[in-house]
PDB file of all heavy atoms in Angstrom:
ATOM      1  N   LEU A   1       0.828  -1.201   0.000  1.00  0.00           N
ATOM      2  CA  LEU A   1       0.000   0.000   0.000  1.00  0.00           C
ATOM      3  C   LEU A   1       0.863   1.252   0.000  1.00  0.00           C
ATOM      4  O   LEU A   1       0.538   2.251  -0.659  1.00  0.00           O
ATOM      5  CB  LEU A   1      -0.911  -0.013   1.234  1.00  0.00           C
ATOM      6  CG  LEU A   1      -1.877   1.161   1.382  1.00  0.00           C
ATOM      7  CD1 LEU A   1      -2.800   1.248   0.171  1.00  0.00           C
ATOM      8  CD2 LEU A   1      -2.685   1.047   2.656  1.00  0.00           C
ATOM      9  N   ASP A   2       1.998   1.212   0.725  1.00  0.00           N
ATOM     10  CA  ASP A   2       2.912   2.353   0.745  1.00  0.00           C
ATOM     11  C   ASP A   2       3.510   2.595  -0.640  1.00  0.00           C
ATOM     12  O   ASP A   2       3.705   3.748  -1.052  1.00  0.00           O
ATOM     13  CB  ASP A   2       4.031   2.103   1.770  1.00  0.00           C
ATOM     14  CG  ASP A   2       3.488   1.872   3.167  1.00  0.00           C
ATOM     15  OD1 ASP A   2       2.721   2.721   3.641  1.00  0.00           O
ATOM     16  OD2 ASP A   2       3.810   0.836   3.770  1.00  0.00           O
ATOM     17  N   LEU A   3       3.794   1.516  -1.364  1.00  0.00           N
ATOM     18  CA  LEU A   3       4.337   1.651  -2.725  1.00  0.00           C
ATOM     19  C   LEU A   3       3.304   2.294  -3.648  1.00  0.00           C
ATOM     20  O   LEU A   3       3.616   3.228  -4.404  1.00  0.00           O
ATOM     21  CB  LEU A   3       4.738   0.271  -3.261  1.00  0.00           C
ATOM     22  CG  LEU A   3       5.146   0.254  -4.749  1.00  0.00           C
ATOM     23  CD1 LEU A   3       6.482   0.955  -4.944  1.00  0.00           C
ATOM     24  CD2 LEU A   3       5.207  -1.170  -5.279  1.00  0.00           C
ATOM     25  N   PHE A   4       2.074   1.799  -3.585  1.00  0.00           N
ATOM     26  CA  PHE A   4       1.039   2.331  -4.472  1.00  0.00           C
ATOM     27  C   PHE A   4       0.777   3.804  -4.184  1.00  0.00           C
ATOM     28  O   PHE A   4       0.531   4.594  -5.101  1.00  0.00           O
ATOM     29  CB  PHE A   4      -0.245   1.518  -4.328  1.00  0.00           C
ATOM     30  CG  PHE A   4      -0.070   0.069  -4.674  1.00  0.00           C
ATOM     31  CD1 PHE A   4      -0.805  -0.905  -4.032  1.00  0.00           C
ATOM     32  CD2 PHE A   4       0.856  -0.331  -5.629  1.00  0.00           C
ATOM     33  CE1 PHE A   4      -0.639  -2.234  -4.331  1.00  0.00           C
ATOM     34  CE2 PHE A   4       1.027  -1.659  -5.938  1.00  0.00           C
ATOM     35  CZ  PHE A   4       0.288  -2.621  -5.293  1.00  0.00           C
ATOM     36  N   LYS A   5       0.846   4.179  -2.902  1.00  0.00           N
ATOM     37  CA  LYS A   5       0.671   5.586  -2.550  1.00  0.00           C
ATOM     38  C   LYS A   5       1.770   6.441  -3.175  1.00  0.00           C
ATOM     39  O   LYS A   5       1.517   7.523  -3.716  1.00  0.00           O
ATOM     40  CB  LYS A   5       0.718   5.750  -1.018  1.00  0.00           C
ATOM     41  CG  LYS A   5      -0.575   5.424  -0.313  1.00  0.00           C
ATOM     42  CD  LYS A   5      -0.405   5.727   1.169  1.00  0.00           C
ATOM     43  CE  LYS A   5      -1.685   5.462   1.927  1.00  0.00           C
ATOM     44  NZ  LYS A   5      -1.516   5.715   3.371  1.00  0.00           N
ATOM     45  N   LYS A   6       2.988   5.931  -3.103  1.00  0.00           N
ATOM     46  CA  LYS A   6       4.126   6.689  -3.627  1.00  0.00           C
ATOM     47  C   LYS A   6       4.027   6.840  -5.135  1.00  0.00           C
ATOM     48  O   LYS A   6       4.284   7.914  -5.688  1.00  0.00           O
ATOM     49  CB  LYS A   6       5.434   5.989  -3.244  1.00  0.00           C
ATOM     50  CG  LYS A   6       6.669   6.818  -3.519  1.00  0.00           C
ATOM     51  CD  LYS A   6       7.843   6.301  -2.709  1.00  0.00           C
ATOM     52  CE  LYS A   6       9.001   7.283  -2.763  1.00  0.00           C
ATOM     53  NZ  LYS A   6      10.092   6.898  -1.874  1.00  0.00           N
ATOM     54  N   ILE A   7       3.626   5.770  -5.816  1.00  0.00           N
ATOM     55  CA  ILE A   7       3.491   5.835  -7.276  1.00  0.00           C
ATOM     56  C   ILE A   7       2.390   6.823  -7.662  1.00  0.00           C
ATOM     57  O   ILE A   7       2.551   7.641  -8.571  1.00  0.00           O
ATOM     58  CB  ILE A   7       3.191   4.435  -7.848  1.00  0.00           C
ATOM     59  CG1 ILE A   7       4.422   3.533  -7.690  1.00  0.00           C
ATOM     60  CG2 ILE A   7       2.791   4.523  -9.317  1.00  0.00           C
ATOM     61  CD1 ILE A   7       4.193   2.098  -8.098  1.00  0.00           C
ATOM     62  N   THR A   8       1.269   6.774  -6.935  1.00  0.00           N
ATOM     63  CA  THR A   8       0.152   7.670  -7.232  1.00  0.00           C
ATOM     64  C   THR A   8       0.537   9.128  -7.009  1.00  0.00           C
ATOM     65  O   THR A   8       0.158  10.012  -7.787  1.00  0.00           O
ATOM     66  CB  THR A   8      -1.056   7.320  -6.334  1.00  0.00           C
ATOM     67  OG1 THR A   8      -1.394   5.957  -6.539  1.00  0.00           O
ATOM     68  CG2 THR A   8      -2.256   8.183  -6.655  1.00  0.00           C
ATOM     69  N   GLU A   9       1.309   9.374  -5.922  1.00  0.00           N
ATOM     70  CA  GLU A   9       1.683  10.754  -5.600  1.00  0.00           C
ATOM     71  C   GLU A   9       2.757  11.305  -6.534  1.00  0.00           C
ATOM     72  O   GLU A   9       2.681  12.443  -6.989  1.00  0.00           O
ATOM     73  CB  GLU A   9       2.185  10.823  -4.149  1.00  0.00           C
ATOM     74  CG  GLU A   9       1.085  10.590  -3.116  1.00  0.00           C
ATOM     75  CD  GLU A   9       1.645  10.321  -1.731  1.00  0.00           C
ATOM     76  OE1 GLU A   9       2.886  10.366  -1.566  1.00  0.00           O
ATOM     77  OE2 GLU A   9       0.842  10.041  -0.813  1.00  0.00           O
ATOM     78  N   LYS A  10       3.786  10.486  -6.836  1.00  0.00           N
ATOM     79  CA  LYS A  10       4.937  10.996  -7.602  1.00  0.00           C
ATOM     80  C   LYS A  10       4.822  10.763  -9.098  1.00  0.00           C
ATOM     81  O   LYS A  10       5.406  11.500  -9.899  1.00  0.00           O
ATOM     82  CB  LYS A  10       6.236  10.352  -7.077  1.00  0.00           C
ATOM     83  CG  LYS A  10       6.624  10.850  -5.703  1.00  0.00           C
ATOM     84  CD  LYS A  10       8.101  10.549  -5.464  1.00  0.00           C
ATOM     85  CE  LYS A  10       8.604  11.279  -4.230  1.00  0.00           C
ATOM     86  NZ  LYS A  10      10.069  11.201  -4.092  1.00  0.00           N
ATOM     87  N   TYR A  11       4.125   9.720  -9.483  1.00  0.00           N
ATOM     88  CA  TYR A  11       4.046   9.366 -10.909  1.00  0.00           C
ATOM     89  C   TYR A  11       2.584   9.097 -11.277  1.00  0.00           C
ATOM     90  O   TYR A  11       2.223   7.987 -11.652  1.00  0.00           O
ATOM     91  CB  TYR A  11       4.899   8.125 -11.201  1.00  0.00           C
ATOM     92  CG  TYR A  11       6.246   8.136 -10.507  1.00  0.00           C
ATOM     93  CD1 TYR A  11       6.448   7.410  -9.330  1.00  0.00           C
ATOM     94  CD2 TYR A  11       7.295   8.894 -10.998  1.00  0.00           C
ATOM     95  CE1 TYR A  11       7.661   7.429  -8.674  1.00  0.00           C
ATOM     96  CE2 TYR A  11       8.520   8.920 -10.348  1.00  0.00           C
ATOM     97  CZ  TYR A  11       8.693   8.188  -9.185  1.00  0.00           C
ATOM     98  OH  TYR A  11       9.903   8.210  -8.546  1.00  0.00           O
ATOM     99  N   PRO A  12       1.748  10.114 -11.179  1.00  0.00           N
ATOM    100  CA  PRO A  12       0.300   9.886 -11.356  1.00  0.00           C
ATOM    101  C   PRO A  12      -0.097   9.431 -12.749  1.00  0.00           C
ATOM    102  O   PRO A  12      -1.108   8.764 -12.916  1.00  0.00           O
ATOM    103  CB  PRO A  12      -0.308  11.260 -11.034  1.00  0.00           C
ATOM    104  CG  PRO A  12       0.802  12.233 -11.233  1.00  0.00           C
ATOM    105  CD  PRO A  12       2.053  11.526 -10.873  1.00  0.00           C
ATOM    106  N   SER A  13       0.663   9.779 -13.767  1.00  0.00           N
ATOM    107  CA  SER A  13       0.242   9.439 -15.139  1.00  0.00           C
ATOM    108  C   SER A  13       1.335   8.694 -15.903  1.00  0.00           C
ATOM    109  O   SER A  13       1.592   8.965 -17.069  1.00  0.00           O
ATOM    110  CB  SER A  13      -0.137  10.717 -15.899  1.00  0.00           C
ATOM    111  OG  SER A  13       0.967  11.622 -15.913  1.00  0.00           O
ATOM    112  N   PHE A  14       2.029   7.782 -15.235  1.00  0.00           N
ATOM    113  CA  PHE A  14       3.127   7.075 -15.898  1.00  0.00           C
ATOM    114  C   PHE A  14       2.599   6.164 -17.011  1.00  0.00           C
ATOM    115  O   PHE A  14       1.525   5.587 -16.909  1.00  0.00           O
ATOM    116  CB  PHE A  14       3.953   6.272 -14.879  1.00  0.00           C
ATOM    117  CG  PHE A  14       3.204   5.130 -14.238  1.00  0.00           C
ATOM    118  CD1 PHE A  14       3.227   3.862 -14.796  1.00  0.00           C
ATOM    119  CD2 PHE A  14       2.480   5.319 -13.065  1.00  0.00           C
ATOM    120  CE1 PHE A  14       2.555   2.808 -14.209  1.00  0.00           C
ATOM    121  CE2 PHE A  14       1.800   4.264 -12.472  1.00  0.00           C
ATOM    122  CZ  PHE A  14       1.841   3.011 -13.039  1.00  0.00           C
ATOM    123  N   GLU A  15       3.378   6.093 -18.077  1.00  0.00           N
ATOM    124  CA  GLU A  15       3.048   5.223 -19.208  1.00  0.00           C
ATOM    125  C   GLU A  15       4.300   4.490 -19.641  1.00  0.00           C
ATOM    126  O   GLU A  15       5.409   4.794 -19.194  1.00  0.00           O
ATOM    127  CB  GLU A  15       2.488   6.050 -20.371  1.00  0.00           C
ATOM    128  CG  GLU A  15       1.132   6.683 -20.068  1.00  0.00           C
ATOM    129  CD  GLU A  15       0.579   7.440 -21.272  1.00  0.00           C
ATOM    130  OE1 GLU A  15       1.279   7.501 -22.303  1.00  0.00           O
ATOM    131  OE2 GLU A  15      -0.546   7.962 -21.168  1.00  0.00           O
ATOM    132  N   THR A  16       4.131   3.558 -20.565  1.00  0.00           N
ATOM    133  CA  THR A  16       5.272   2.791 -21.052  1.00  0.00           C
ATOM    134  C   THR A  16       6.238   3.704 -21.801  1.00  0.00           C
ATOM    135  O   THR A  16       5.832   4.509 -22.648  1.00  0.00           O
ATOM    136  CB  THR A  16       4.808   1.675 -21.996  1.00  0.00           C
ATOM    137  OG1 THR A  16       3.854   0.872 -21.318  1.00  0.00           O
ATOM    138  CG2 THR A  16       5.979   0.814 -22.448  1.00  0.00           C
ATOM    139  N   THR A  17       7.522   3.588 -21.470  1.00  0.00           N
ATOM    140  CA  THR A  17       8.578   4.297 -22.194  1.00  0.00           C
ATOM    141  C   THR A  17       9.139   3.341 -23.241  1.00  0.00           C
ATOM    142  O   THR A  17       9.744   2.328 -22.891  1.00  0.00           O
ATOM    143  CB  THR A  17       9.696   4.745 -21.227  1.00  0.00           C
ATOM    144  OG1 THR A  17       9.119   5.557 -20.211  1.00  0.00           O
ATOM    145  CG2 THR A  17      10.778   5.516 -21.958  1.00  0.00           C
ATOM    146  N   GLU A  18       8.916   3.678 -24.542  1.00  0.00           N
ATOM    147  CA  GLU A  18       9.258   2.726 -25.608  1.00  0.00           C
ATOM    148  C   GLU A  18      10.732   2.384 -25.631  1.00  0.00           C
ATOM    149  O   GLU A  18      11.114   1.251 -25.931  1.00  0.00           O
ATOM    150  CB  GLU A  18       8.821   3.290 -26.967  1.00  0.00           C
ATOM    151  CG  GLU A  18       7.316   3.363 -27.158  1.00  0.00           C
ATOM    152  CD  GLU A  18       6.672   1.997 -27.087  1.00  0.00           C
ATOM    153  OE1 GLU A  18       7.302   1.002 -27.496  1.00  0.00           O
ATOM    154  OE2 GLU A  18       5.530   1.902 -26.573  1.00  0.00           O
ATOM    155  N   ASP A  19      11.611   3.350 -25.319  1.00  0.00           N
ATOM    156  CA  ASP A  19      13.057   3.073 -25.336  1.00  0.00           C
ATOM    157  C   ASP A  19      13.438   1.982 -24.328  1.00  0.00           C
ATOM    158  O   ASP A  19      14.457   1.319 -24.486  1.00  0.00           O
ATOM    159  CB  ASP A  19      13.846   4.345 -24.988  1.00  0.00           C
ATOM    160  CG  ASP A  19      13.821   5.350 -26.123  1.00  0.00           C
ATOM    161  OD1 ASP A  19      13.638   4.917 -27.266  1.00  0.00           O
ATOM    162  OD2 ASP A  19      13.967   6.555 -25.855  1.00  0.00           O
ATOM    163  N   LEU A  20      12.609   1.847 -23.276  1.00  0.00           N
ATOM    164  CA  LEU A  20      12.922   0.887 -22.214  1.00  0.00           C
ATOM    165  C   LEU A  20      12.119  -0.399 -22.330  1.00  0.00           C
ATOM    166  O   LEU A  20      12.282  -1.308 -21.525  1.00  0.00           O
ATOM    167  CB  LEU A  20      12.662   1.531 -20.839  1.00  0.00           C
ATOM    168  CG  LEU A  20      13.421   2.835 -20.558  1.00  0.00           C
ATOM    169  CD1 LEU A  20      13.055   3.370 -19.184  1.00  0.00           C
ATOM    170  CD2 LEU A  20      14.929   2.629 -20.659  1.00  0.00           C
ATOM    171  N   ARG A  21      11.231  -0.458 -23.311  1.00  0.00           N
ATOM    172  CA  ARG A  21      10.421  -1.654 -23.479  1.00  0.00           C
ATOM    173  C   ARG A  21      11.306  -2.849 -23.824  1.00  0.00           C
ATOM    174  O   ARG A  21      12.202  -2.756 -24.654  1.00  0.00           O
ATOM    175  CB  ARG A  21       9.382  -1.448 -24.584  1.00  0.00           C
ATOM    176  CG  ARG A  21       8.439  -2.650 -24.753  1.00  0.00           C
ATOM    177  CD  ARG A  21       7.553  -2.470 -25.985  1.00  0.00           C
ATOM    178  NE  ARG A  21       6.484  -1.524 -25.771  1.00  0.00           N
ATOM    179  CZ  ARG A  21       5.321  -1.818 -25.220  1.00  0.00           C
ATOM    180  NH1 ARG A  21       5.080  -3.059 -24.804  1.00  0.00           N
ATOM    181  NH2 ARG A  21       4.398  -0.893 -25.073  1.00  0.00           N
ATOM    182  N   GLY A  22      11.025  -3.980 -23.158  1.00  0.00           N
ATOM    183  CA  GLY A  22      11.757  -5.214 -23.469  1.00  0.00           C
ATOM    184  C   GLY A  22      13.093  -5.345 -22.772  1.00  0.00           C
ATOM    185  O   GLY A  22      13.780  -6.355 -22.923  1.00  0.00           O
ATOM    186  N   LEU A  23      13.498  -4.339 -22.004  1.00  0.00           N
ATOM    187  CA  LEU A  23      14.772  -4.429 -21.279  1.00  0.00           C
ATOM    188  C   LEU A  23      14.543  -5.141 -19.954  1.00  0.00           C
ATOM    189  O   LEU A  23      13.604  -4.816 -19.225  1.00  0.00           O
ATOM    190  CB  LEU A  23      15.332  -3.035 -21.006  1.00  0.00           C
ATOM    191  CG  LEU A  23      15.698  -2.185 -22.220  1.00  0.00           C
ATOM    192  CD1 LEU A  23      16.240  -0.838 -21.755  1.00  0.00           C
ATOM    193  CD2 LEU A  23      16.731  -2.884 -23.088  1.00  0.00           C
ATOM    194  N   ASP A  24      15.422  -6.104 -19.641  1.00  0.00           N
ATOM    195  CA  ASP A  24      15.253  -6.735 -18.336  1.00  0.00           C
ATOM    196  C   ASP A  24      16.223  -6.115 -17.326  1.00  0.00           C
ATOM    197  O   ASP A  24      17.345  -5.743 -17.645  1.00  0.00           O
ATOM    198  CB  ASP A  24      15.397  -8.258 -18.409  1.00  0.00           C
ATOM    199  CG  ASP A  24      16.781  -8.727 -18.745  1.00  0.00           C
ATOM    200  OD1 ASP A  24      17.657  -8.585 -17.878  1.00  0.00           O
ATOM    201  OD2 ASP A  24      16.978  -9.227 -19.866  1.00  0.00           O
ATOM    202  N   TYR A  25      15.714  -5.977 -16.120  1.00  0.00           N
ATOM    203  CA  TYR A  25      16.401  -5.278 -15.037  1.00  0.00           C
ATOM    204  C   TYR A  25      17.775  -5.883 -14.764  1.00  0.00           C
ATOM    205  O   TYR A  25      18.773  -5.169 -14.580  1.00  0.00           O
ATOM    206  CB  TYR A  25      15.519  -5.346 -13.790  1.00  0.00           C
ATOM    207  CG  TYR A  25      15.994  -4.546 -12.605  1.00  0.00           C
ATOM    208  CD1 TYR A  25      15.473  -3.283 -12.345  1.00  0.00           C
ATOM    209  CD2 TYR A  25      16.928  -5.069 -11.711  1.00  0.00           C
ATOM    210  CE1 TYR A  25      15.881  -2.553 -11.234  1.00  0.00           C
ATOM    211  CE2 TYR A  25      17.348  -4.353 -10.605  1.00  0.00           C
ATOM    212  CZ  TYR A  25      16.821  -3.088 -10.367  1.00  0.00           C
ATOM    213  OH  TYR A  25      17.233  -2.366  -9.274  1.00  0.00           O
ATOM    214  N   ASN A  26      17.850  -7.194 -14.733  1.00  0.00           N
ATOM    215  CA  ASN A  26      19.103  -7.858 -14.352  1.00  0.00           C
ATOM    216  C   ASN A  26      20.225  -7.664 -15.360  1.00  0.00           C
ATOM    217  O   ASN A  26      21.396  -7.748 -15.005  1.00  0.00           O
ATOM    218  CB  ASN A  26      18.855  -9.351 -14.132  1.00  0.00           C
ATOM    219  CG  ASN A  26      18.234  -9.630 -12.769  1.00  0.00           C
ATOM    220  OD1 ASN A  26      18.209  -8.764 -11.916  1.00  0.00           O
ATOM    221  ND2 ASN A  26      17.708 -10.831 -12.586  1.00  0.00           N
ATOM    222  N   THR A  27      19.874  -7.448 -16.618  1.00  0.00           N
ATOM    223  CA  THR A  27      20.928  -7.211 -17.616  1.00  0.00           C
ATOM    224  C   THR A  27      21.643  -5.897 -17.342  1.00  0.00           C
ATOM    225  O   THR A  27      22.866  -5.793 -17.485  1.00  0.00           O
ATOM    226  CB  THR A  27      20.332  -7.190 -19.037  1.00  0.00           C
ATOM    227  OG1 THR A  27      19.729  -8.452 -19.296  1.00  0.00           O
ATOM    228  CG2 THR A  27      21.406  -6.930 -20.079  1.00  0.00           C
ATOM    229  N   ILE A  28      20.885  -4.881 -16.944  1.00  0.00           N
ATOM    230  CA  ILE A  28      21.476  -3.568 -16.693  1.00  0.00           C
ATOM    231  C   ILE A  28      22.053  -3.482 -15.289  1.00  0.00           C
ATOM    232  O   ILE A  28      23.135  -2.917 -15.078  1.00  0.00           O
ATOM    233  CB  ILE A  28      20.409  -2.465 -16.892  1.00  0.00           C
ATOM    234  CG1 ILE A  28      19.865  -2.531 -18.318  1.00  0.00           C
ATOM    235  CG2 ILE A  28      20.977  -1.080 -16.598  1.00  0.00           C
ATOM    236  CD1 ILE A  28      18.684  -1.633 -18.566  1.00  0.00           C
ATOM    237  N   PHE A  29      21.353  -4.082 -14.319  1.00  0.00           N
ATOM    238  CA  PHE A  29      21.746  -3.894 -12.931  1.00  0.00           C
ATOM    239  C   PHE A  29      22.230  -5.176 -12.263  1.00  0.00           C
ATOM    240  O   PHE A  29      21.949  -5.431 -11.099  1.00  0.00           O
ATOM    241  CB  PHE A  29      20.589  -3.287 -12.131  1.00  0.00           C
ATOM    242  CG  PHE A  29      20.256  -1.889 -12.555  1.00  0.00           C
ATOM    243  CD1 PHE A  29      19.079  -1.622 -13.234  1.00  0.00           C
ATOM    244  CD2 PHE A  29      21.136  -0.849 -12.313  1.00  0.00           C
ATOM    245  CE1 PHE A  29      18.778  -0.343 -13.637  1.00  0.00           C
ATOM    246  CE2 PHE A  29      20.838   0.444 -12.719  1.00  0.00           C
ATOM    247  CZ  PHE A  29      19.656   0.696 -13.386  1.00  0.00           C
ATOM    248  N   ASN A  30      22.974  -6.000 -13.004  1.00  0.00           N
ATOM    249  CA  ASN A  30      23.663  -7.109 -12.349  1.00  0.00           C
ATOM    250  C   ASN A  30      24.921  -6.560 -11.684  1.00  0.00           C
ATOM    251  O   ASN A  30      25.361  -5.442 -11.971  1.00  0.00           O
ATOM    252  CB  ASN A  30      23.991  -8.219 -13.345  1.00  0.00           C
ATOM    253  CG  ASN A  30      24.928  -7.752 -14.434  1.00  0.00           C
ATOM    254  OD1 ASN A  30      26.121  -7.569 -14.210  1.00  0.00           O
ATOM    255  ND2 ASN A  30      24.380  -7.520 -15.639  1.00  0.00           N
ATOM    256  N   ALA A  31      25.511  -7.342 -10.806  1.00  0.00           N
ATOM    257  CA  ALA A  31      26.608  -6.851  -9.969  1.00  0.00           C
ATOM    258  C   ALA A  31      27.789  -6.325 -10.787  1.00  0.00           C
ATOM    259  O   ALA A  31      28.344  -5.263 -10.484  1.00  0.00           O
ATOM    260  CB  ALA A  31      27.070  -7.963  -9.025  1.00  0.00           C
ATOM    261  N   LYS A  32      28.171  -7.052 -11.867  1.00  0.00           N
ATOM    262  CA  LYS A  32      29.357  -6.642 -12.635  1.00  0.00           C
ATOM    263  C   LYS A  32      29.079  -5.422 -13.486  1.00  0.00           C
ATOM    264  O   LYS A  32      29.940  -4.545 -13.650  1.00  0.00           O
ATOM    265  CB  LYS A  32      29.830  -7.811 -13.491  1.00  0.00           C
ATOM    266  CG  LYS A  32      30.400  -8.944 -12.647  1.00  0.00           C
ATOM    267  CD  LYS A  32      30.942 -10.094 -13.477  1.00  0.00           C
ATOM    268  CE  LYS A  32      31.532 -11.173 -12.564  1.00  0.00           C
ATOM    269  NZ  LYS A  32      31.995 -12.358 -13.306  1.00  0.00           N
ATOM    270  N   ALA A  33      27.851  -5.333 -14.033  1.00  0.00           N
ATOM    271  CA  ALA A  33      27.505  -4.162 -14.830  1.00  0.00           C
ATOM    272  C   ALA A  33      27.435  -2.922 -13.949  1.00  0.00           C
ATOM    273  O   ALA A  33      27.913  -1.843 -14.331  1.00  0.00           O
ATOM    274  CB  ALA A  33      26.175  -4.389 -15.547  1.00  0.00           C
ATOM    275  N   ILE A  34      26.860  -3.071 -12.757  1.00  0.00           N
ATOM    276  CA  ILE A  34      26.744  -1.928 -11.847  1.00  0.00           C
ATOM    277  C   ILE A  34      28.126  -1.408 -11.468  1.00  0.00           C
ATOM    278  O   ILE A  34      28.341  -0.190 -11.366  1.00  0.00           O
ATOM    279  CB  ILE A  34      25.960  -2.328 -10.574  1.00  0.00           C
ATOM    280  CG1 ILE A  34      24.472  -2.473 -10.912  1.00  0.00           C
ATOM    281  CG2 ILE A  34      26.127  -1.299  -9.463  1.00  0.00           C
ATOM    282  CD1 ILE A  34      23.618  -2.959  -9.775  1.00  0.00           C
ATOM    283  N   LYS A  35      29.073  -2.328 -11.273  1.00  0.00           N
ATOM    284  CA  LYS A  35      30.433  -1.912 -10.914  1.00  0.00           C
ATOM    285  C   LYS A  35      31.009  -0.972 -11.971  1.00  0.00           C
ATOM    286  O   LYS A  35      31.679   0.015 -11.659  1.00  0.00           O
ATOM    287  CB  LYS A  35      31.309  -3.157 -10.761  1.00  0.00           C
ATOM    288  CG  LYS A  35      32.685  -2.874 -10.187  1.00  0.00           C
ATOM    289  CD  LYS A  35      33.442  -4.168  -9.930  1.00  0.00           C
ATOM    290  CE  LYS A  35      34.820  -3.863  -9.343  1.00  0.00           C
ATOM    291  NZ  LYS A  35      35.589  -5.102  -9.095  1.00  0.00           N
ATOM    292  N   ILE A  36      30.720  -1.269 -13.261  1.00  0.00           N
ATOM    293  CA  ILE A  36      31.201  -0.416 -14.352  1.00  0.00           C
ATOM    294  C   ILE A  36      30.383   0.874 -14.413  1.00  0.00           C
ATOM    295  O   ILE A  36      30.933   1.977 -14.547  1.00  0.00           O
ATOM    296  CB  ILE A  36      31.116  -1.171 -15.697  1.00  0.00           C
ATOM    297  CG1 ILE A  36      32.062  -2.383 -15.673  1.00  0.00           C
ATOM    298  CG2 ILE A  36      31.454  -0.245 -16.866  1.00  0.00           C
ATOM    299  CD1 ILE A  36      31.878  -3.327 -16.829  1.00  0.00           C
ATOM    300  N   LEU A  37      29.051   0.738 -14.292  1.00  0.00           N
ATOM    301  CA  LEU A  37      28.176   1.908 -14.401  1.00  0.00           C
ATOM    302  C   LEU A  37      28.469   2.945 -13.322  1.00  0.00           C
ATOM    303  O   LEU A  37      28.295   4.148 -13.534  1.00  0.00           O
ATOM    304  CB  LEU A  37      26.711   1.477 -14.305  1.00  0.00           C
ATOM    305  CG  LEU A  37      26.165   0.627 -15.457  1.00  0.00           C
ATOM    306  CD1 LEU A  37      24.754   0.157 -15.143  1.00  0.00           C
ATOM    307  CD2 LEU A  37      26.179   1.406 -16.763  1.00  0.00           C
TER     308      LEU A  37
END
């Protein structure tokens, strides 16, 4: 419920961002990639 409140308050009209469609979180934010980033 706390998460949904935060999304509603900060991102009331969020929609899909096409540039980020199909990207999986772990590919970008795995431990070795994060070390470089």
